[in-house]
């Protein structure tokens, strides 16, 4: 698994991969997404696969809950 160092004011992104609108993989980093997407996109019906890229500012995260 790739380790990302977070710097102040950094934008972090994560990916979710879906098959027929059901989550297959959640909270993947860029390396994990590229590896998995490259393999499963060839294996499944392409019309049934989708992904979502989520960008967030790591300075805004509240770890108090």
N, C-alpha and C. Protein backbone atom coordinates (compact mmCIF):
# COMPACT_ATOMS: atom_id res chain seq x y z
N UNK A 1 0.85 -1.17 0.00
CA UNK A 1 0.00 0.00 0.00
C UNK A 1 0.89 1.23 0.00
N UNK A 2 0.57 2.20 -0.80
CA UNK A 2 1.35 3.42 -0.89
C UNK A 2 1.00 4.34 0.26
N UNK A 3 2.00 4.96 0.82
CA UNK A 3 1.80 5.90 1.92
C UNK A 3 1.88 7.31 1.36
N UNK A 4 0.92 8.11 1.68
CA UNK A 4 0.91 9.51 1.25
C UNK A 4 1.18 10.39 2.45
N UNK A 5 2.12 11.33 2.30
CA UNK A 5 2.33 12.28 3.39
C UNK A 5 1.47 13.49 3.10
N UNK A 6 0.74 13.91 4.10
CA UNK A 6 -0.16 15.04 3.94
C UNK A 6 0.55 16.30 4.38
N UNK A 7 0.56 17.28 3.54
CA UNK A 7 1.15 18.56 3.89
C UNK A 7 0.03 19.56 4.12
N UNK A 8 0.31 20.62 4.86
CA UNK A 8 -0.72 21.63 5.09
C UNK A 8 -1.27 22.17 3.77
N UNK A 9 -2.56 22.46 3.77
CA UNK A 9 -3.25 22.99 2.59
C UNK A 9 -3.20 22.04 1.40
N UNK A 10 -3.13 20.76 1.65
CA UNK A 10 -3.06 19.82 0.53
C UNK A 10 -4.46 19.29 0.21
N UNK A 11 -4.67 19.06 -1.06
CA UNK A 11 -5.90 18.44 -1.52
C UNK A 11 -5.62 16.95 -1.65
N UNK A 12 -6.45 16.15 -1.03
CA UNK A 12 -6.30 14.71 -1.06
C UNK A 12 -7.45 14.14 -1.87
N UNK A 13 -7.18 13.07 -2.59
CA UNK A 13 -8.28 12.44 -3.33
C UNK A 13 -8.32 10.95 -3.03
N UNK A 14 -9.51 10.44 -3.12
CA UNK A 14 -9.75 9.03 -2.90
C UNK A 14 -10.73 8.56 -3.98
N UNK A 15 -10.79 7.27 -4.21
CA UNK A 15 -11.63 6.71 -5.27
C UNK A 15 -12.51 5.60 -4.71
N UNK A 16 -13.72 5.50 -5.27
CA UNK A 16 -14.63 4.38 -5.01
C UNK A 16 -14.93 3.75 -6.37
N UNK A 17 -14.94 2.43 -6.44
CA UNK A 17 -15.26 1.70 -7.67
C UNK A 17 -16.56 0.94 -7.46
N UNK A 18 -17.45 1.03 -8.45
CA UNK A 18 -18.77 0.42 -8.37
C UNK A 18 -18.98 -0.57 -9.52
N UNK A 19 -19.71 -1.63 -9.23
CA UNK A 19 -20.18 -2.58 -10.24
C UNK A 19 -21.69 -2.62 -10.11
N UNK A 20 -22.38 -2.21 -11.16
CA UNK A 20 -23.85 -2.14 -11.15
C UNK A 20 -24.35 -1.35 -9.94
N UNK A 21 -23.72 -0.21 -9.69
CA UNK A 21 -24.09 0.71 -8.61
C UNK A 21 -23.88 0.15 -7.20
N UNK A 22 -23.14 -0.94 -7.07
CA UNK A 22 -22.78 -1.49 -5.76
C UNK A 22 -21.28 -1.27 -5.55
N UNK A 23 -20.91 -0.87 -4.35
CA UNK A 23 -19.50 -0.58 -4.07
C UNK A 23 -18.68 -1.86 -4.10
N UNK A 24 -17.62 -1.86 -4.92
CA UNK A 24 -16.65 -2.95 -4.92
C UNK A 24 -15.44 -2.60 -4.07
N UNK A 25 -14.93 -1.38 -4.24
CA UNK A 25 -13.76 -0.90 -3.52
C UNK A 25 -14.04 0.53 -3.07
N UNK A 26 -13.60 0.84 -1.86
CA UNK A 26 -13.89 2.14 -1.27
C UNK A 26 -12.59 2.75 -0.71
N UNK A 27 -12.48 4.07 -0.84
CA UNK A 27 -11.35 4.82 -0.28
C UNK A 27 -9.98 4.35 -0.78
N UNK A 28 -9.88 4.18 -2.08
CA UNK A 28 -8.60 3.81 -2.69
C UNK A 28 -7.75 5.05 -2.93
N UNK A 29 -6.44 4.94 -2.72
CA UNK A 29 -5.58 6.05 -3.12
C UNK A 29 -5.30 5.92 -4.62
N UNK A 30 -4.57 6.87 -5.18
CA UNK A 30 -4.34 6.89 -6.63
C UNK A 30 -3.64 5.62 -7.11
N UNK A 31 -2.64 5.17 -6.39
CA UNK A 31 -1.90 3.97 -6.78
C UNK A 31 -2.82 2.74 -6.79
N UNK A 32 -3.58 2.57 -5.71
CA UNK A 32 -4.49 1.43 -5.62
C UNK A 32 -5.55 1.48 -6.71
N UNK A 33 -6.10 2.67 -6.95
CA UNK A 33 -7.12 2.82 -7.98
C UNK A 33 -6.57 2.42 -9.35
N UNK A 34 -5.40 2.96 -9.71
CA UNK A 34 -4.81 2.67 -11.02
C UNK A 34 -4.57 1.18 -11.19
N UNK A 35 -4.08 0.53 -10.16
CA UNK A 35 -3.80 -0.90 -10.22
C UNK A 35 -5.08 -1.72 -10.39
N UNK A 36 -6.07 -1.45 -9.55
CA UNK A 36 -7.31 -2.23 -9.57
C UNK A 36 -8.14 -1.91 -10.80
N UNK A 37 -8.31 -0.63 -11.13
CA UNK A 37 -9.13 -0.25 -12.28
C UNK A 37 -8.56 -0.84 -13.57
N UNK A 38 -7.25 -0.79 -13.70
CA UNK A 38 -6.62 -1.33 -14.91
C UNK A 38 -6.87 -2.81 -15.10
N UNK A 39 -7.05 -3.52 -14.01
CA UNK A 39 -7.29 -4.97 -14.10
C UNK A 39 -8.76 -5.31 -14.25
N UNK A 40 -9.62 -4.68 -13.46
CA UNK A 40 -11.04 -5.10 -13.52
C UNK A 40 -11.77 -4.50 -14.71
N UNK A 41 -11.28 -3.37 -15.23
CA UNK A 41 -11.97 -2.76 -16.37
C UNK A 41 -11.93 -3.69 -17.58
N UNK A 42 -10.91 -4.52 -17.67
CA UNK A 42 -10.80 -5.48 -18.77
C UNK A 42 -11.61 -6.74 -18.50
N UNK A 43 -11.93 -7.00 -17.24
CA UNK A 43 -12.54 -8.27 -16.84
C UNK A 43 -14.06 -8.26 -16.78
N UNK A 44 -14.66 -7.11 -16.53
CA UNK A 44 -16.11 -7.03 -16.36
C UNK A 44 -16.74 -6.29 -17.54
N UNK A 45 -18.05 -6.32 -17.58
CA UNK A 45 -18.76 -5.55 -18.58
C UNK A 45 -18.51 -4.07 -18.33
N UNK A 46 -17.93 -3.41 -19.29
CA UNK A 46 -17.52 -2.02 -19.11
C UNK A 46 -18.68 -1.10 -18.79
N UNK A 47 -19.86 -1.40 -19.29
CA UNK A 47 -21.03 -0.56 -19.01
C UNK A 47 -21.50 -0.68 -17.56
N UNK A 48 -21.09 -1.75 -16.88
CA UNK A 48 -21.52 -1.98 -15.50
C UNK A 48 -20.56 -1.39 -14.47
N UNK A 49 -19.38 -0.98 -14.91
CA UNK A 49 -18.38 -0.44 -14.00
C UNK A 49 -18.37 1.08 -14.01
N UNK A 50 -18.18 1.66 -12.86
CA UNK A 50 -18.02 3.11 -12.76
C UNK A 50 -17.14 3.41 -11.56
N UNK A 51 -16.69 4.65 -11.49
CA UNK A 51 -15.92 5.06 -10.34
C UNK A 51 -16.23 6.51 -10.00
N UNK A 52 -15.90 6.86 -8.78
CA UNK A 52 -16.11 8.22 -8.30
C UNK A 52 -14.79 8.70 -7.70
N UNK A 53 -14.37 9.89 -8.09
CA UNK A 53 -13.18 10.51 -7.52
C UNK A 53 -13.63 11.58 -6.54
N UNK A 54 -13.13 11.51 -5.33
CA UNK A 54 -13.51 12.45 -4.29
C UNK A 54 -12.28 13.25 -3.88
N UNK A 55 -12.37 14.56 -4.02
CA UNK A 55 -11.29 15.46 -3.63
C UNK A 55 -11.71 16.19 -2.37
N UNK A 56 -10.80 16.26 -1.40
CA UNK A 56 -11.10 17.00 -0.19
C UNK A 56 -9.84 17.66 0.34
N UNK A 57 -10.05 18.73 1.08
CA UNK A 57 -8.96 19.48 1.67
C UNK A 57 -8.65 18.83 3.01
N UNK A 58 -7.46 18.29 3.15
CA UNK A 58 -7.11 17.56 4.38
C UNK A 58 -7.06 18.48 5.59
N UNK A 59 -6.94 19.79 5.40
CA UNK A 59 -6.94 20.72 6.53
C UNK A 59 -8.32 20.89 7.13
N UNK A 60 -9.36 20.52 6.40
CA UNK A 60 -10.74 20.72 6.86
C UNK A 60 -11.24 19.52 7.63
N UNK A 61 -10.56 18.41 7.55
CA UNK A 61 -11.02 17.20 8.24
C UNK A 61 -11.07 17.41 9.74
N UNK A 62 -12.15 16.96 10.34
CA UNK A 62 -12.33 17.07 11.77
C UNK A 62 -12.29 15.68 12.38
N UNK A 63 -11.26 15.38 13.12
CA UNK A 63 -11.11 14.07 13.71
C UNK A 63 -11.70 13.95 15.11
N UNK A 64 -12.57 14.86 15.48
CA UNK A 64 -13.08 14.88 16.84
C UNK A 64 -14.24 13.90 17.09
N UNK A 65 -14.77 13.28 16.06
CA UNK A 65 -15.89 12.39 16.30
C UNK A 65 -15.50 10.96 16.34
